[in-house]
Amino acid sequence: MKYEQKNPVPLPAAGAFEDVPSSFMSTFDWQYALEREPLLALYEKGKARTWNASEIDWSIDVDLEKMARNRVAEGSHEVFNNLLDPPKRLGADESVQMQLEINAWMLSQFLHGEQGALLATAKIVMAAPDEESKWYAANQVQDEARHVEVYHRYLTEKLGCSYEVNPHLQTLLDDIISDSRWDMTYLGMQIMVEGLALAAFGMMKAQMPDEPLIQDITARIMQDEARHVAFGVLTLEDLYRNQLTSAELREREEFVIESTYLMRDRLLMEQVYARLGWDVPTWVNWAKETPFMTAFRQMLFSKIVPNLKRLGLLTPRVREEYAKLGILQFEHNKDSTLEPEIEAPVEFLSLIDRLRGADERKAS
């Protein structure tokens, strides 16, 4: 597993390593009852669908700048300027650079989120109360290590451009790892972080149809992540619907609301605007208020909302906050146990086509 790291991933302000204090019980399950058939079936599926990063064709040439310039040559930057009304109209070169930076930023946050999942799932192996969960979580640990491997290789060998972890994502990962309660690790990672990531992966595929390597990587990881989210739903449903006290439920509600806002804020891409040398507050306000950007962020919650509803966590308090964010429309979607896979919403695909000028090309 040798590859050239053309550009090592930048470090956050805290430095190369971060120690997150945590305290939780490590639980032995001495009865080995193995009564949870859906989890055992998921475990079998995970074993059967394991893949090796070395199987990927890493010889594929990746030239995202060429792809971006081809889109600009077809007028995508003018569509962007007219449709989204950015703080300043972008020329061809600025548009190309923005596309490259956004792609690098998104993929970098995938990498950092996968490392968070790696740590969180290792914690689940130790703390989950039943053997079935430990077995599946152990299988997921291998998945997450593989995801970190492929995203790191793609960023440093193929892209040559990457970002440090987003501060909002880092805060959420720290909260998940440090919490002593085993179910909060599931809720934070399997339901919230990976639920949003699953939707983001689908949108990444839609945004980069002409890049075969990232298409292959993303398809493989999405298959894994769909099982991971279903694992969280299957594990937590009975606990959250039947076993929590009102005080415990309120704590979970508060965590769901707080983590939702952290994930919303991490999608504002302050780091991208700063690297481009643009006025960050102006561009962040534009990202918050522009209908397209708002719709993009909202669609990333398309799996989280129905999963929370399945768990009984779409409570009046959570519903009130989600109504403010405009994401309650997803509550009638199928949850991850009924519909594991995800495709980018039709509305998003239409918007992407418009940004590429596809509608104009088809009409001509």
Protein backbone atom coordinates (compact mmCIF):
# COMPACT_ATOMS: atom_id res chain seq x y z
CA MET A 1 0.00 0.00 0.00
CA LYS A 2 2.45 2.61 -1.27
CA TYR A 3 1.36 5.86 -2.86
CA GLU A 4 2.79 9.32 -3.29
CA GLN A 5 1.36 11.90 -0.91
CA LYS A 6 1.59 15.00 -3.07
CA ASN A 7 0.01 17.20 -0.45
CA PRO A 8 -0.35 15.99 3.16
CA VAL A 9 -3.65 16.87 4.80
CA PRO A 10 -3.39 20.24 6.62
CA LEU A 11 -3.44 20.19 10.41
CA PRO A 12 -6.07 21.91 12.55
CA ALA A 13 -5.00 24.59 15.01
CA ALA A 14 -4.68 22.03 17.83
CA GLY A 15 -1.90 20.21 15.98
CA ALA A 16 -1.22 16.72 14.67
CA PHE A 17 -2.93 14.81 17.47
CA GLU A 18 -5.95 15.42 19.66
CA ASP A 19 -6.66 13.56 22.89
CA VAL A 20 -10.36 13.39 23.73
CA PRO A 21 -11.00 12.30 27.34
CA SER A 22 -13.77 9.74 27.60
CA SER A 23 -15.12 7.40 30.22
CA PHE A 24 -17.50 4.52 29.46
CA MET A 25 -18.23 1.03 30.59
CA SER A 26 -16.77 -1.93 28.71
CA THR A 27 -19.41 -4.66 28.77
CA PHE A 28 -19.06 -8.43 28.47
CA ASP A 29 -22.08 -10.37 27.22
CA TRP A 30 -21.67 -13.77 28.85
CA GLN A 31 -24.99 -15.24 27.70
CA TYR A 32 -24.36 -15.02 23.92
CA ALA A 33 -28.12 -15.27 23.40
CA LEU A 34 -27.95 -14.15 19.73
CA GLU A 35 -31.66 -13.36 19.59
CA ARG A 36 -31.57 -10.27 17.39
CA GLU A 37 -32.03 -11.76 13.95
CA PRO A 38 -32.06 -8.47 11.97
CA LEU A 39 -28.68 -7.52 13.42
CA LEU A 40 -27.25 -10.96 12.69
CA ALA A 41 -28.53 -10.72 9.10
CA LEU A 42 -26.87 -7.31 8.78
CA TYR A 43 -23.64 -8.79 10.14
CA GLU A 44 -23.74 -11.56 7.51
CA LYS A 45 -24.38 -9.02 4.78
CA GLY A 46 -21.43 -6.92 5.99
CA LYS A 47 -19.08 -9.91 5.89
CA ALA A 48 -20.25 -10.92 2.42
CA ARG A 49 -19.82 -7.43 0.97
CA THR A 50 -16.37 -6.63 2.32
CA TRP A 51 -14.05 -5.21 -0.32
CA ASN A 52 -10.37 -4.38 -0.49
CA ALA A 53 -9.06 -0.91 -1.34
CA SER A 54 -6.38 -2.58 -3.45
CA GLU A 55 -9.12 -3.78 -5.82
CA ILE A 56 -9.73 -0.20 -6.92
CA ASP A 57 -8.08 0.87 -10.16
CA TRP A 58 -5.77 3.54 -8.79
CA SER A 59 -4.12 3.93 -12.21
CA ILE A 60 -7.08 6.05 -13.36
CA ASP A 61 -5.91 9.57 -14.12
CA VAL A 62 -7.77 12.28 -12.18
CA ASP A 63 -7.79 15.78 -13.64
CA LEU A 64 -10.56 17.72 -11.92
CA GLU A 65 -9.22 21.03 -13.22
CA LYS A 66 -9.71 19.87 -16.81
CA MET A 67 -13.25 18.77 -15.97
CA ALA A 68 -13.99 22.11 -14.30
CA ARG A 69 -12.59 24.05 -17.27
CA ASN A 70 -14.72 22.02 -19.67
CA ARG A 71 -17.80 22.99 -17.68
CA VAL A 72 -16.76 26.64 -17.61
CA ALA A 73 -16.21 26.53 -21.38
CA GLU A 74 -19.83 25.44 -21.68
CA GLY A 75 -20.94 28.44 -19.62
CA SER A 76 -21.41 26.93 -16.16
CA HIS A 77 -19.94 29.99 -14.43
CA GLU A 78 -22.43 32.30 -16.11
CA VAL A 79 -25.29 30.04 -15.04
CA PHE A 80 -23.83 30.09 -11.50
CA ASN A 81 -23.65 33.90 -11.51
CA ASN A 82 -27.16 34.34 -12.86
CA LEU A 83 -28.85 31.61 -10.85
CA LEU A 84 -27.19 32.05 -7.45
CA ASP A 85 -26.31 35.77 -7.49
CA PRO A 86 -23.03 35.41 -5.53
CA PRO A 87 -21.46 38.37 -3.68
CA LYS A 88 -19.32 38.96 -6.74
CA ARG A 89 -19.62 37.62 -10.26
CA LEU A 90 -17.03 34.93 -10.88
CA GLY A 91 -14.84 34.85 -13.93
CA ALA A 92 -13.82 31.60 -15.59
CA ASP A 93 -10.63 31.13 -13.56
CA GLU A 94 -12.31 31.96 -10.24
CA SER A 95 -15.13 29.56 -11.02
CA VAL A 96 -12.67 26.75 -11.77
CA GLN A 97 -10.76 27.40 -8.55
CA MET A 98 -13.97 27.50 -6.49
CA GLN A 99 -15.08 24.15 -7.92
CA LEU A 100 -11.72 22.57 -7.13
CA GLU A 101 -11.66 23.92 -3.58
CA ILE A 102 -15.23 22.84 -2.81
CA ASN A 103 -14.55 19.30 -4.06
CA ALA A 104 -11.36 19.11 -1.98
CA TRP A 105 -13.16 20.48 1.07
CA MET A 106 -16.06 18.04 0.81
CA LEU A 107 -13.80 15.03 0.34
CA SER A 108 -11.56 16.16 3.21
CA GLN A 109 -14.53 16.33 5.57
CA PHE A 110 -15.53 12.83 4.43
CA LEU A 111 -12.04 11.68 5.43
CA HIS A 112 -12.22 13.29 8.88
CA GLY A 113 -15.75 12.00 9.48
CA GLU A 114 -14.61 8.48 8.61
CA GLN A 115 -11.83 8.66 11.19
CA GLY A 116 -14.43 9.76 13.73
CA ALA A 117 -16.56 6.75 12.74
CA LEU A 118 -13.54 4.49 13.16
CA LEU A 119 -13.05 5.62 16.77
CA ALA A 120 -16.75 5.65 17.59
CA THR A 121 -17.34 2.14 16.28
CA ALA A 122 -14.38 0.78 18.22
CA LYS A 123 -16.04 2.27 21.28
CA ILE A 124 -19.31 0.52 20.38
CA VAL A 125 -17.53 -2.85 20.29
CA MET A 126 -16.48 -2.32 23.90
CA ALA A 127 -19.61 -0.69 25.28
CA ALA A 128 -22.60 -2.21 23.45
CA PRO A 129 -24.53 -4.54 25.77
CA ASP A 130 -25.32 -7.39 23.37
CA GLU A 131 -23.12 -9.73 21.37
CA GLU A 132 -24.86 -9.12 18.05
CA SER A 133 -24.02 -5.40 18.20
CA LYS A 134 -20.41 -6.13 19.09
CA TRP A 135 -20.04 -8.45 16.12
CA TYR A 136 -21.51 -6.01 13.64
CA ALA A 137 -19.57 -3.08 15.10
CA ALA A 138 -16.34 -5.06 14.76
CA ASN A 139 -17.15 -5.57 11.08
CA GLN A 140 -17.85 -1.85 10.77
CA VAL A 141 -14.48 -0.97 12.33
CA GLN A 142 -12.85 -2.68 9.36
CA ASP A 143 -15.13 -0.77 6.99
CA GLU A 144 -14.21 2.56 8.54
CA ALA A 145 -10.48 1.89 8.40
CA ARG A 146 -10.87 1.10 4.70
CA HIS A 147 -12.84 4.32 4.13
CA VAL A 148 -10.12 6.39 5.81
CA GLU A 149 -7.55 4.62 3.65
CA VAL A 150 -9.24 5.33 0.31
CA TYR A 151 -10.21 8.94 0.99
CA HIS A 152 -6.71 9.72 2.25
CA ARG A 153 -5.15 8.14 -0.81
CA TYR A 154 -7.50 9.94 -3.20
CA LEU A 155 -6.87 13.31 -1.56
CA THR A 156 -3.11 13.07 -1.27
CA GLU A 157 -2.21 11.04 -4.35
CA LYS A 158 -4.84 12.03 -6.89
CA LEU A 159 -6.18 15.42 -5.85
CA GLY A 160 -3.13 17.02 -4.26
CA CYS A 161 -5.39 19.39 -2.34
CA SER A 162 -7.11 18.93 1.02
CA TYR A 163 -8.42 20.67 4.15
CA GLU A 164 -8.11 20.29 7.89
CA VAL A 165 -11.13 19.09 9.85
CA ASN A 166 -13.98 21.60 10.00
CA PRO A 167 -14.29 23.05 13.54
CA HIS A 168 -18.05 22.31 13.72
CA LEU A 169 -17.50 18.70 12.68
CA GLN A 170 -14.60 18.40 15.12
CA THR A 171 -16.79 19.62 17.98
CA LEU A 172 -19.47 17.07 17.13
CA LEU A 173 -16.96 14.21 16.85
CA ASP A 174 -15.46 15.18 20.22
CA ASP A 175 -18.93 15.15 21.79
CA ILE A 176 -19.67 11.70 20.38
CA ILE A 177 -16.37 10.16 21.46
CA SER A 178 -16.33 11.69 24.95
CA ASP A 179 -19.92 10.81 25.97
CA SER A 180 -20.03 7.95 28.47
CA ARG A 181 -23.40 6.57 27.31
CA TRP A 182 -23.17 3.83 24.69
CA ASP A 183 -26.40 4.77 22.94
CA MET A 184 -25.26 8.36 22.42
CA THR A 185 -22.36 7.04 20.36
CA TYR A 186 -24.86 5.24 18.13
CA LEU A 187 -27.12 8.28 17.95
CA GLY A 188 -24.36 10.72 17.16
CA MET A 189 -22.39 8.63 14.70
CA GLN A 190 -24.70 6.05 13.13
CA ILE A 191 -27.81 8.22 12.92
CA MET A 192 -26.60 11.82 12.67
CA VAL A 193 -23.09 11.94 11.17
CA GLU A 194 -23.36 8.89 8.90
CA GLY A 195 -26.95 9.68 8.00
CA LEU A 196 -25.87 13.06 6.65
CA ALA A 197 -22.76 11.58 5.03
CA LEU A 198 -24.85 9.00 3.19
CA ALA A 199 -26.88 11.77 1.54
CA ALA A 200 -23.71 13.76 0.82
CA PHE A 201 -22.13 10.76 -0.91
CA GLY A 202 -25.13 10.49 -3.19
CA MET A 203 -24.80 14.15 -4.10
CA MET A 204 -21.05 13.79 -4.68
CA LYS A 205 -21.77 11.07 -7.23
CA ALA A 206 -24.27 13.34 -8.94
CA GLN A 207 -21.84 16.26 -9.03
CA MET A 208 -18.90 14.30 -10.51
CA PRO A 209 -20.37 11.91 -13.11
CA ASP A 210 -17.32 12.28 -15.35
CA GLU A 211 -14.77 11.13 -12.74
CA PRO A 212 -14.75 7.29 -12.74
CA LEU A 213 -12.41 6.81 -9.77
CA ILE A 214 -14.49 8.81 -7.29
CA GLN A 215 -17.62 7.14 -8.72
CA ASP A 216 -16.18 3.71 -7.85
CA ILE A 217 -14.96 4.78 -4.40
CA THR A 218 -18.23 6.49 -3.53
CA ALA A 219 -20.40 3.58 -4.67
CA ARG A 220 -18.42 1.15 -2.50
CA ILE A 221 -18.54 3.40 0.57
CA MET A 222 -22.24 4.17 0.16
CA GLN A 223 -22.99 0.45 0.21
CA ASP A 224 -21.18 0.16 3.53
CA GLU A 225 -22.66 3.31 5.03
CA ALA A 226 -26.22 2.25 4.23
CA ARG A 227 -25.70 -0.81 6.45
CA HIS A 228 -24.10 1.30 9.18
CA VAL A 229 -27.06 3.65 9.42
CA ALA A 230 -29.50 0.72 9.43
CA PHE A 231 -27.43 -0.79 12.26
CA GLY A 232 -28.01 2.30 14.36
CA VAL A 233 -31.76 2.32 13.69
CA LEU A 234 -32.20 -1.39 14.48
CA THR A 235 -30.19 -1.11 17.69
CA LEU A 236 -31.82 1.99 19.13
CA GLU A 237 -35.48 1.64 18.17
CA ASP A 238 -36.73 -0.36 21.15
CA LEU A 239 -34.55 1.56 23.62
CA TYR A 240 -35.78 4.97 22.54
CA ARG A 241 -39.42 4.03 22.10
CA ASN A 242 -39.90 1.93 25.21
CA GLN A 243 -37.12 2.26 27.76
CA LEU A 244 -36.12 5.90 28.26
CA THR A 245 -37.38 8.11 31.06
CA SER A 246 -38.71 11.56 30.15
CA ALA A 247 -35.48 13.13 31.44
CA GLU A 248 -33.35 10.76 29.33
CA LEU A 249 -35.48 11.46 26.26
CA ARG A 250 -35.01 15.19 26.75
CA GLU A 251 -31.23 14.75 26.81
CA ARG A 252 -31.39 12.89 23.49
CA GLU A 253 -33.62 15.60 22.03
CA GLU A 254 -31.10 18.26 23.04
CA PHE A 255 -28.27 16.27 21.49
CA VAL A 256 -30.17 15.80 18.22
CA ILE A 257 -30.90 19.53 17.99
CA GLU A 258 -27.36 20.57 18.88
CA SER A 259 -25.75 18.11 16.45
CA THR A 260 -28.13 19.17 13.67
CA TYR A 261 -27.06 22.79 13.98
CA LEU A 262 -23.39 21.81 14.12
CA MET A 263 -23.78 19.82 10.90
CA ARG A 264 -25.73 22.66 9.28
CA ASP A 265 -22.98 25.15 10.21
CA ARG A 266 -20.18 22.92 8.94
CA LEU A 267 -21.83 23.00 5.50
CA LEU A 268 -21.36 26.78 5.21
CA MET A 269 -17.79 26.22 3.91
CA GLU A 270 -16.02 29.07 5.73
CA GLN A 271 -12.69 27.34 5.13
CA VAL A 272 -13.17 27.43 1.36
CA TYR A 273 -13.90 31.16 1.28
CA ALA A 274 -10.93 31.87 3.53
CA ARG A 275 -8.54 29.91 1.30
CA LEU A 276 -9.85 31.70 -1.78
CA GLY A 277 -9.14 35.03 -0.07
CA TRP A 278 -12.76 36.15 -0.13
CA ASP A 279 -14.58 37.99 2.65
CA VAL A 280 -15.78 35.13 4.82
CA PRO A 281 -18.75 36.80 6.61
CA THR A 282 -20.15 38.08 3.31
CA TRP A 283 -19.94 34.69 1.64
CA VAL A 284 -21.28 32.83 4.69
CA ASN A 285 -24.31 35.14 4.75
CA TRP A 286 -24.81 34.46 1.05
CA ALA A 287 -24.59 30.70 1.70
CA LYS A 288 -27.18 30.99 4.49
CA GLU A 289 -29.66 33.02 2.48
CA THR A 290 -29.38 31.81 -1.12
CA PRO A 291 -32.26 29.40 -1.93
CA PHE A 292 -30.03 26.95 -3.82
CA MET A 293 -27.49 26.72 -1.00
CA THR A 294 -30.28 26.37 1.56
CA ALA A 295 -31.92 23.61 -0.49
CA PHE A 296 -28.56 21.81 -0.82
CA ARG A 297 -28.08 21.75 2.96
CA GLN A 298 -31.68 20.72 3.57
CA MET A 299 -31.45 17.74 1.22
CA LEU A 300 -28.49 16.38 3.16
CA PHE A 301 -30.89 15.65 6.02
CA SER A 302 -33.14 13.48 3.84
CA LYS A 303 -32.10 10.25 5.64
CA ILE A 304 -31.71 11.64 9.15
CA VAL A 305 -35.30 12.85 9.51
CA PRO A 306 -37.14 9.58 8.70
CA ASN A 307 -34.65 7.62 10.83
CA LEU A 308 -35.30 9.89 13.82
CA LYS A 309 -39.02 9.41 13.25
CA ARG A 310 -38.57 5.62 13.27
CA LEU A 311 -36.71 5.93 16.59
CA GLY A 312 -39.42 8.09 18.16
CA LEU A 313 -37.08 11.08 18.35
CA LEU A 314 -38.98 13.34 16.00
CA THR A 315 -40.61 14.79 19.11
CA PRO A 316 -42.46 18.13 19.31
CA ARG A 317 -39.24 19.87 20.44
CA VAL A 318 -37.21 18.40 17.60
CA ARG A 319 -40.01 19.04 15.11
CA GLU A 320 -40.11 22.71 16.09
CA GLU A 321 -36.39 23.15 15.37
CA TYR A 322 -36.55 21.10 12.18
CA ALA A 323 -39.44 23.22 10.94
CA LYS A 324 -37.20 26.29 11.33
CA LEU A 325 -34.53 24.56 9.24
CA GLY A 326 -37.03 23.51 6.58
CA ILE A 327 -36.28 19.77 6.76
CA LEU A 328 -39.53 18.31 8.09
CA GLN A 329 -40.62 17.48 4.54
CA PHE A 330 -38.40 14.39 4.70
CA GLU A 331 -40.26 12.75 7.58
CA HIS A 332 -42.43 10.74 5.18
CA ASN A 333 -39.44 9.23 3.38
CA LYS A 334 -38.60 5.60 4.07
CA ASP A 335 -36.12 5.01 6.89
CA SER A 336 -32.82 3.19 6.42
CA THR A 337 -34.18 -0.23 7.42
CA LEU A 338 -36.76 -0.05 4.64
CA GLU A 339 -34.71 1.77 2.02
CA PRO A 340 -30.97 1.45 2.76
CA GLU A 341 -29.69 2.93 -0.47
CA ILE A 342 -29.99 6.58 -1.34
CA GLU A 343 -30.08 8.47 -4.58
CA ALA A 344 -29.66 12.21 -4.92
CA PRO A 345 -33.12 13.85 -4.90
CA VAL A 346 -34.58 14.74 -8.28
CA GLU A 347 -34.73 18.39 -7.22
CA PHE A 348 -31.00 18.40 -6.54
CA LEU A 349 -30.18 16.74 -9.86
CA SER A 350 -32.24 19.39 -11.63
CA LEU A 351 -30.36 22.17 -9.84
CA ILE A 352 -27.00 20.59 -10.69
CA ASP A 353 -28.01 20.34 -14.35
CA ARG A 354 -28.92 24.03 -14.33
CA LEU A 355 -25.60 24.97 -12.75
CA ARG A 356 -23.76 23.03 -15.46
CA GLY A 357 -25.85 24.73 -18.10
CA ALA A 358 -27.24 21.33 -19.08
CA ASP A 359 -30.74 22.68 -19.59
CA GLU A 360 -29.40 25.34 -21.96
CA ARG A 361 -27.35 22.79 -23.91
CA LYS A 362 -30.32 20.45 -24.28
CA ALA A 363 -32.44 23.29 -25.59
CA SER A 364 -29.88 24.38 -28.18
